[in-house]
Amino acid sequence: MSEYRKLEIADWYDQHSKSILSFILLMVKDYQQAEDLTHDTFVKAYLYHNSFNQHSSERTWLFSICSQLNG
């Protein structure tokens, strides 16, 4: 499971990190902080991967995580 989770999160990062970074940057207006929060988003997604119940897309789930980090 752990190797699968790493691969899936890496794939999600490739697909969604730029849009998540842009979204966070609009909120915090600081590029370094936005990069840090983007990283934190994917770390949290890795740690809580088992809570992703696929009722929404992974993109929606990732955006909900980054919204909570900044909120």
PDB file of N, CA and C in Angstrom:
ATOM      1  N   MET A   1       0.822  -1.208   0.000  1.00  0.00           N
ATOM      2  CA  MET A   1       0.000   0.000   0.000  1.00  0.00           C
ATOM      3  C   MET A   1       0.854   1.256   0.000  1.00  0.00           C
ATOM      4  N   SER A   2       1.914   1.278   0.766  1.00  0.00           N
ATOM      5  CA  SER A   2       2.729   2.469   0.891  1.00  0.00           C
ATOM      6  C   SER A   2       3.365   2.866  -0.445  1.00  0.00           C
ATOM      7  N   GLU A   3       3.883   1.897  -1.195  1.00  0.00           N
ATOM      8  CA  GLU A   3       4.482   2.202  -2.497  1.00  0.00           C
ATOM      9  C   GLU A   3       3.426   2.712  -3.473  1.00  0.00           C
ATOM     10  N   TYR A   4       2.248   2.106  -3.450  1.00  0.00           N
ATOM     11  CA  TYR A   4       1.142   2.567  -4.291  1.00  0.00           C
ATOM     12  C   TYR A   4       0.777   4.004  -3.931  1.00  0.00           C
ATOM     13  N   ARG A   5       0.705   4.287  -2.642  1.00  0.00           N
ATOM     14  CA  ARG A   5       0.356   5.626  -2.175  1.00  0.00           C
ATOM     15  C   ARG A   5       1.400   6.636  -2.649  1.00  0.00           C
ATOM     16  N   LYS A   6       2.675   6.304  -2.546  1.00  0.00           N
ATOM     17  CA  LYS A   6       3.734   7.208  -3.002  1.00  0.00           C
ATOM     18  C   LYS A   6       3.585   7.518  -4.486  1.00  0.00           C
ATOM     19  N   LEU A   7       3.340   6.478  -5.272  1.00  0.00           N
ATOM     20  CA  LEU A   7       3.196   6.668  -6.719  1.00  0.00           C
ATOM     21  C   LEU A   7       1.969   7.507  -7.056  1.00  0.00           C
ATOM     22  N   GLU A   8       0.884   7.250  -6.353  1.00  0.00           N
ATOM     23  CA  GLU A   8      -0.338   8.000  -6.628  1.00  0.00           C
ATOM     24  C   GLU A   8      -0.173   9.477  -6.249  1.00  0.00           C
ATOM     25  N   ILE A   9       0.410   9.740  -5.095  1.00  0.00           N
ATOM     26  CA  ILE A   9       0.628  11.126  -4.683  1.00  0.00           C
ATOM     27  C   ILE A   9       1.595  11.819  -5.641  1.00  0.00           C
ATOM     28  N   ALA A  10       2.624  11.130  -6.081  1.00  0.00           N
ATOM     29  CA  ALA A  10       3.562  11.703  -7.054  1.00  0.00           C
ATOM     30  C   ALA A  10       2.841  12.047  -8.354  1.00  0.00           C
ATOM     31  N   ASP A  11       1.947  11.183  -8.788  1.00  0.00           N
ATOM     32  CA  ASP A  11       1.160  11.437  -9.989  1.00  0.00           C
ATOM     33  C   ASP A  11       0.253  12.654  -9.781  1.00  0.00           C
ATOM     34  N   TRP A  12      -0.397  12.707  -8.647  1.00  0.00           N
ATOM     35  CA  TRP A  12      -1.255  13.857  -8.335  1.00  0.00           C
ATOM     36  C   TRP A  12      -0.434  15.142  -8.310  1.00  0.00           C
ATOM     37  N   TYR A  13       0.769  15.069  -7.746  1.00  0.00           N
ATOM     38  CA  TYR A  13       1.640  16.242  -7.696  1.00  0.00           C
ATOM     39  C   TYR A  13       1.936  16.733  -9.117  1.00  0.00           C
ATOM     40  N   ASP A  14       2.295  15.813  -9.990  1.00  0.00           N
ATOM     41  CA  ASP A  14       2.583  16.180 -11.377  1.00  0.00           C
ATOM     42  C   ASP A  14       1.383  16.836 -12.046  1.00  0.00           C
ATOM     43  N   GLN A  15       0.201  16.337 -11.747  1.00  0.00           N
ATOM     44  CA  GLN A  15      -1.014  16.834 -12.389  1.00  0.00           C
ATOM     45  C   GLN A  15      -1.534  18.142 -11.799  1.00  0.00           C
ATOM     46  N   HIS A  16      -1.401  18.323 -10.483  1.00  0.00           N
ATOM     47  CA  HIS A  16      -2.144  19.389  -9.816  1.00  0.00           C
ATOM     48  C   HIS A  16      -1.316  20.421  -9.052  1.00  0.00           C
ATOM     49  N   SER A  17      -0.027  20.225  -8.923  1.00  0.00           N
ATOM     50  CA  SER A  17       0.756  21.131  -8.069  1.00  0.00           C
ATOM     51  C   SER A  17       0.762  22.577  -8.582  1.00  0.00           C
ATOM     52  N   LYS A  18       0.809  22.768  -9.880  1.00  0.00           N
ATOM     53  CA  LYS A  18       0.835  24.137 -10.410  1.00  0.00           C
ATOM     54  C   LYS A  18      -0.464  24.877 -10.114  1.00  0.00           C
ATOM     55  N   SER A  19      -1.591  24.207 -10.278  1.00  0.00           N
ATOM     56  CA  SER A  19      -2.860  24.882 -10.007  1.00  0.00           C
ATOM     57  C   SER A  19      -3.058  25.117  -8.510  1.00  0.00           C
ATOM     58  N   ILE A  20      -2.577  24.204  -7.690  1.00  0.00           N
ATOM     59  CA  ILE A  20      -2.680  24.399  -6.248  1.00  0.00           C
ATOM     60  C   ILE A  20      -1.765  25.541  -5.811  1.00  0.00           C
ATOM     61  N   LEU A  21      -0.548  25.584  -6.352  1.00  0.00           N
ATOM     62  CA  LEU A  21       0.362  26.684  -6.039  1.00  0.00           C
ATOM     63  C   LEU A  21      -0.260  28.024  -6.433  1.00  0.00           C
ATOM     64  N   SER A  22      -0.843  28.096  -7.593  1.00  0.00           N
ATOM     65  CA  SER A  22      -1.480  29.338  -8.052  1.00  0.00           C
ATOM     66  C   SER A  22      -2.627  29.745  -7.141  1.00  0.00           C
ATOM     67  N   PHE A  23      -3.431  28.787  -6.751  1.00  0.00           N
ATOM     68  CA  PHE A  23      -4.563  29.041  -5.860  1.00  0.00           C
ATOM     69  C   PHE A  23      -4.074  29.580  -4.516  1.00  0.00           C
ATOM     70  N   ILE A  24      -3.085  28.935  -3.940  1.00  0.00           N
ATOM     71  CA  ILE A  24      -2.563  29.356  -2.644  1.00  0.00           C
ATOM     72  C   ILE A  24      -1.897  30.726  -2.767  1.00  0.00           C
ATOM     73  N   LEU A  25      -1.188  30.949  -3.852  1.00  0.00           N
ATOM     74  CA  LEU A  25      -0.529  32.235  -4.062  1.00  0.00           C
ATOM     75  C   LEU A  25      -1.537  33.380  -4.096  1.00  0.00           C
ATOM     76  N   LEU A  26      -2.700  33.143  -4.680  1.00  0.00           N
ATOM     77  CA  LEU A  26      -3.755  34.164  -4.678  1.00  0.00           C
ATOM     78  C   LEU A  26      -4.209  34.490  -3.254  1.00  0.00           C
ATOM     79  N   MET A  27      -4.164  33.503  -2.383  1.00  0.00           N
ATOM     80  CA  MET A  27      -4.619  33.705  -1.010  1.00  0.00           C
ATOM     81  C   MET A  27      -3.551  34.369  -0.137  1.00  0.00           C
ATOM     82  N   VAL A  28      -2.314  33.908  -0.246  1.00  0.00           N
ATOM     83  CA  VAL A  28      -1.281  34.369   0.696  1.00  0.00           C
ATOM     84  C   VAL A  28      -0.402  35.489   0.145  1.00  0.00           C
ATOM     85  N   LYS A  29      -0.362  35.660  -1.156  1.00  0.00           N
ATOM     86  CA  LYS A  29       0.409  36.727  -1.812  1.00  0.00           C
ATOM     87  C   LYS A  29       1.901  36.695  -1.481  1.00  0.00           C
ATOM     88  N   ASP A  30       2.408  35.519  -1.182  1.00  0.00           N
ATOM     89  CA  ASP A  30       3.832  35.353  -0.888  1.00  0.00           C
ATOM     90  C   ASP A  30       4.274  34.040  -1.518  1.00  0.00           C
ATOM     91  N   TYR A  31       5.185  34.127  -2.496  1.00  0.00           N
ATOM     92  CA  TYR A  31       5.545  32.940  -3.275  1.00  0.00           C
ATOM     93  C   TYR A  31       6.173  31.843  -2.417  1.00  0.00           C
ATOM     94  N   GLN A  32       7.091  32.201  -1.538  1.00  0.00           N
ATOM     95  CA  GLN A  32       7.749  31.194  -0.696  1.00  0.00           C
ATOM     96  C   GLN A  32       6.742  30.493   0.216  1.00  0.00           C
ATOM     97  N   GLN A  33       5.861  31.265   0.816  1.00  0.00           N
ATOM     98  CA  GLN A  33       4.840  30.664   1.670  1.00  0.00           C
ATOM     99  C   GLN A  33       3.904  29.778   0.847  1.00  0.00           C
ATOM    100  N   ALA A  34       3.578  30.199  -0.367  1.00  0.00           N
ATOM    101  CA  ALA A  34       2.717  29.395  -1.238  1.00  0.00           C
ATOM    102  C   ALA A  34       3.395  28.077  -1.607  1.00  0.00           C
ATOM    103  N   GLU A  35       4.695  28.134  -1.872  1.00  0.00           N
ATOM    104  CA  GLU A  35       5.434  26.892  -2.150  1.00  0.00           C
ATOM    105  C   GLU A  35       5.406  25.963  -0.942  1.00  0.00           C
ATOM    106  N   ASP A  36       5.625  26.523   0.242  1.00  0.00           N
ATOM    107  CA  ASP A  36       5.614  25.720   1.467  1.00  0.00           C
ATOM    108  C   ASP A  36       4.248  25.082   1.698  1.00  0.00           C
ATOM    109  N   LEU A  37       3.198  25.855   1.496  1.00  0.00           N
ATOM    110  CA  LEU A  37       1.849  25.329   1.706  1.00  0.00           C
ATOM    111  C   LEU A  37       1.466  24.297   0.645  1.00  0.00           C
ATOM    112  N   THR A  38       1.986  24.472  -0.558  1.00  0.00           N
ATOM    113  CA  THR A  38       1.756  23.463  -1.601  1.00  0.00           C
ATOM    114  C   THR A  38       2.416  22.152  -1.194  1.00  0.00           C
ATOM    115  N   HIS A  39       3.645  22.244  -0.736  1.00  0.00           N
ATOM    116  CA  HIS A  39       4.349  21.055  -0.234  1.00  0.00           C
ATOM    117  C   HIS A  39       3.568  20.417   0.916  1.00  0.00           C
ATOM    118  N   ASP A  40       3.122  21.230   1.858  1.00  0.00           N
ATOM    119  CA  ASP A  40       2.364  20.723   3.000  1.00  0.00           C
ATOM    120  C   ASP A  40       1.075  20.031   2.563  1.00  0.00           C
ATOM    121  N   THR A  41       0.470  20.545   1.508  1.00  0.00           N
ATOM    122  CA  THR A  41      -0.760  19.934   0.983  1.00  0.00           C
ATOM    123  C   THR A  41      -0.511  18.491   0.559  1.00  0.00           C
ATOM    124  N   PHE A  42       0.579  18.272  -0.147  1.00  0.00           N
ATOM    125  CA  PHE A  42       0.861  16.919  -0.638  1.00  0.00           C
ATOM    126  C   PHE A  42       1.376  15.997   0.461  1.00  0.00           C
ATOM    127  N   VAL A  43       2.063  16.549   1.435  1.00  0.00           N
ATOM    128  CA  VAL A  43       2.461  15.738   2.596  1.00  0.00           C
ATOM    129  C   VAL A  43       1.210  15.282   3.345  1.00  0.00           C
ATOM    130  N   LYS A  44       0.287  16.202   3.543  1.00  0.00           N
ATOM    131  CA  LYS A  44      -0.958  15.849   4.242  1.00  0.00           C
ATOM    132  C   LYS A  44      -1.769  14.838   3.419  1.00  0.00           C
ATOM    133  N   ALA A  45      -1.789  15.004   2.121  1.00  0.00           N
ATOM    134  CA  ALA A  45      -2.497  14.042   1.264  1.00  0.00           C
ATOM    135  C   ALA A  45      -1.881  12.654   1.404  1.00  0.00           C
ATOM    136  N   TYR A  46      -0.567  12.595   1.502  1.00  0.00           N
ATOM    137  CA  TYR A  46       0.098  11.305   1.699  1.00  0.00           C
ATOM    138  C   TYR A  46      -0.276  10.703   3.050  1.00  0.00           C
ATOM    139  N   LEU A  47      -0.225  11.522   4.088  1.00  0.00           N
ATOM    140  CA  LEU A  47      -0.494  11.020   5.436  1.00  0.00           C
ATOM    141  C   LEU A  47      -1.941  10.564   5.628  1.00  0.00           C
ATOM    142  N   TYR A  48      -2.866  11.253   4.960  1.00  0.00           N
ATOM    143  CA  TYR A  48      -4.290  10.957   5.133  1.00  0.00           C
ATOM    144  C   TYR A  48      -4.907  10.317   3.892  1.00  0.00           C
ATOM    145  N   HIS A  49      -4.066   9.689   3.086  1.00  0.00           N
ATOM    146  CA  HIS A  49      -4.512   9.069   1.842  1.00  0.00           C
ATOM    147  C   HIS A  49      -5.688   8.108   2.060  1.00  0.00           C
ATOM    148  N   ASN A  50      -5.667   7.390   3.154  1.00  0.00           N
ATOM    149  CA  ASN A  50      -6.736   6.411   3.421  1.00  0.00           C
ATOM    150  C   ASN A  50      -8.089   7.079   3.678  1.00  0.00           C
ATOM    151  N   SER A  51      -8.108   8.379   3.943  1.00  0.00           N
ATOM    152  CA  SER A  51      -9.380   9.061   4.152  1.00  0.00           C
ATOM    153  C   SER A  51      -9.992   9.577   2.843  1.00  0.00           C
ATOM    154  N   PHE A  52      -9.242   9.482   1.755  1.00  0.00           N
ATOM    155  CA  PHE A  52      -9.779   9.882   0.456  1.00  0.00           C
ATOM    156  C   PHE A  52     -10.755   8.810   0.000  1.00  0.00           C
ATOM    157  N   ASN A  53     -12.041   9.140   0.035  1.00  0.00           N
ATOM    158  CA  ASN A  53     -13.074   8.140  -0.243  1.00  0.00           C
ATOM    159  C   ASN A  53     -13.585   8.177  -1.679  1.00  0.00           C
ATOM    160  N   GLN A  54     -12.985   8.996  -2.506  1.00  0.00           N
ATOM    161  CA  GLN A  54     -13.288   9.083  -3.932  1.00  0.00           C
ATOM    162  C   GLN A  54     -14.726   9.506  -4.227  1.00  0.00           C
ATOM    163  N   HIS A  55     -15.347  10.223  -3.281  1.00  0.00           N
ATOM    164  CA  HIS A  55     -16.657  10.811  -3.565  1.00  0.00           C
ATOM    165  C   HIS A  55     -16.501  12.083  -4.394  1.00  0.00           C
ATOM    166  N   SER A  56     -15.279  12.568  -4.466  1.00  0.00           N
ATOM    167  CA  SER A  56     -14.941  13.705  -5.311  1.00  0.00           C
ATOM    168  C   SER A  56     -13.645  13.353  -6.033  1.00  0.00           C
ATOM    169  N   SER A  57     -13.233  14.236  -6.918  1.00  0.00           N
ATOM    170  CA  SER A  57     -11.966  13.987  -7.611  1.00  0.00           C
ATOM    171  C   SER A  57     -10.805  14.229  -6.657  1.00  0.00           C
ATOM    172  N   GLU A  58      -9.654  13.698  -6.988  1.00  0.00           N
ATOM    173  CA  GLU A  58      -8.481  13.946  -6.147  1.00  0.00           C
ATOM    174  C   GLU A  58      -8.140  15.433  -6.153  1.00  0.00           C
ATOM    175  N   ARG A  59      -8.394  16.104  -7.259  1.00  0.00           N
ATOM    176  CA  ARG A  59      -8.124  17.544  -7.346  1.00  0.00           C
ATOM    177  C   ARG A  59      -8.976  18.304  -6.327  1.00  0.00           C
ATOM    178  N   THR A  60     -10.243  17.991  -6.251  1.00  0.00           N
ATOM    179  CA  THR A  60     -11.131  18.629  -5.283  1.00  0.00           C
ATOM    180  C   THR A  60     -10.663  18.354  -3.866  1.00  0.00           C
ATOM    181  N   TRP A  61     -10.276  17.118  -3.606  1.00  0.00           N
ATOM    182  CA  TRP A  61      -9.797  16.733  -2.282  1.00  0.00           C
ATOM    183  C   TRP A  61      -8.527  17.503  -1.930  1.00  0.00           C
ATOM    184  N   LEU A  62      -7.596  17.610  -2.872  1.00  0.00           N
ATOM    185  CA  LEU A  62      -6.359  18.352  -2.640  1.00  0.00           C
ATOM    186  C   LEU A  62      -6.635  19.829  -2.372  1.00  0.00           C
ATOM    187  N   PHE A  63      -7.568  20.408  -3.114  1.00  0.00           N
ATOM    188  CA  PHE A  63      -7.913  21.807  -2.889  1.00  0.00           C
ATOM    189  C   PHE A  63      -8.559  22.001  -1.519  1.00  0.00           C
ATOM    190  N   SER A  64      -9.317  21.036  -1.058  1.00  0.00           N
ATOM    191  CA  SER A  64      -9.902  21.158   0.277  1.00  0.00           C
ATOM    192  C   SER A  64      -8.811  21.098   1.342  1.00  0.00           C
ATOM    193  N   ILE A  65      -7.789  20.283   1.114  1.00  0.00           N
ATOM    194  CA  ILE A  65      -6.667  20.216   2.056  1.00  0.00           C
ATOM    195  C   ILE A  65      -5.936  21.557   2.096  1.00  0.00           C
ATOM    196  N   CYS A  66      -5.612  22.110   0.941  1.00  0.00           N
ATOM    197  CA  CYS A  66      -4.846  23.360   0.945  1.00  0.00           C
ATOM    198  C   CYS A  66      -5.672  24.516   1.500  1.00  0.00           C
ATOM    199  N   SER A  67      -6.973  24.481   1.331  1.00  0.00           N
ATOM    200  CA  SER A  67      -7.827  25.503   1.916  1.00  0.00           C
ATOM    201  C   SER A  67      -7.794  25.445   3.440  1.00  0.00           C
ATOM    202  N   GLN A  68      -7.760  24.243   3.981  1.00  0.00           N
ATOM    203  CA  GLN A  68      -7.700  24.070   5.433  1.00  0.00           C
ATOM    204  C   GLN A  68      -6.350  24.517   5.984  1.00  0.00           C
ATOM    205  N   LEU A  69      -5.284  24.299   5.239  1.00  0.00           N
ATOM    206  CA  LEU A  69      -3.951  24.712   5.702  1.00  0.00           C
ATOM    207  C   LEU A  69      -3.837  26.219   5.811  1.00  0.00           C
ATOM    208  N   ASN A  70      -4.501  26.907   4.920  1.00  0.00           N
ATOM    209  CA  ASN A  70      -4.412  28.365   4.913  1.00  0.00           C
ATOM    210  C   ASN A  70      -5.484  29.010   5.785  1.00  0.00           C
ATOM    211  N   GLY A  71      -6.499  28.248   6.130  1.00  0.00           N
ATOM    212  CA  GLY A  71      -7.633  28.830   6.846  1.00  0.00           C
ATOM    213  C   GLY A  71      -7.416  28.919   8.281  1.00  0.00           C
TER     214      GLY A  71
END
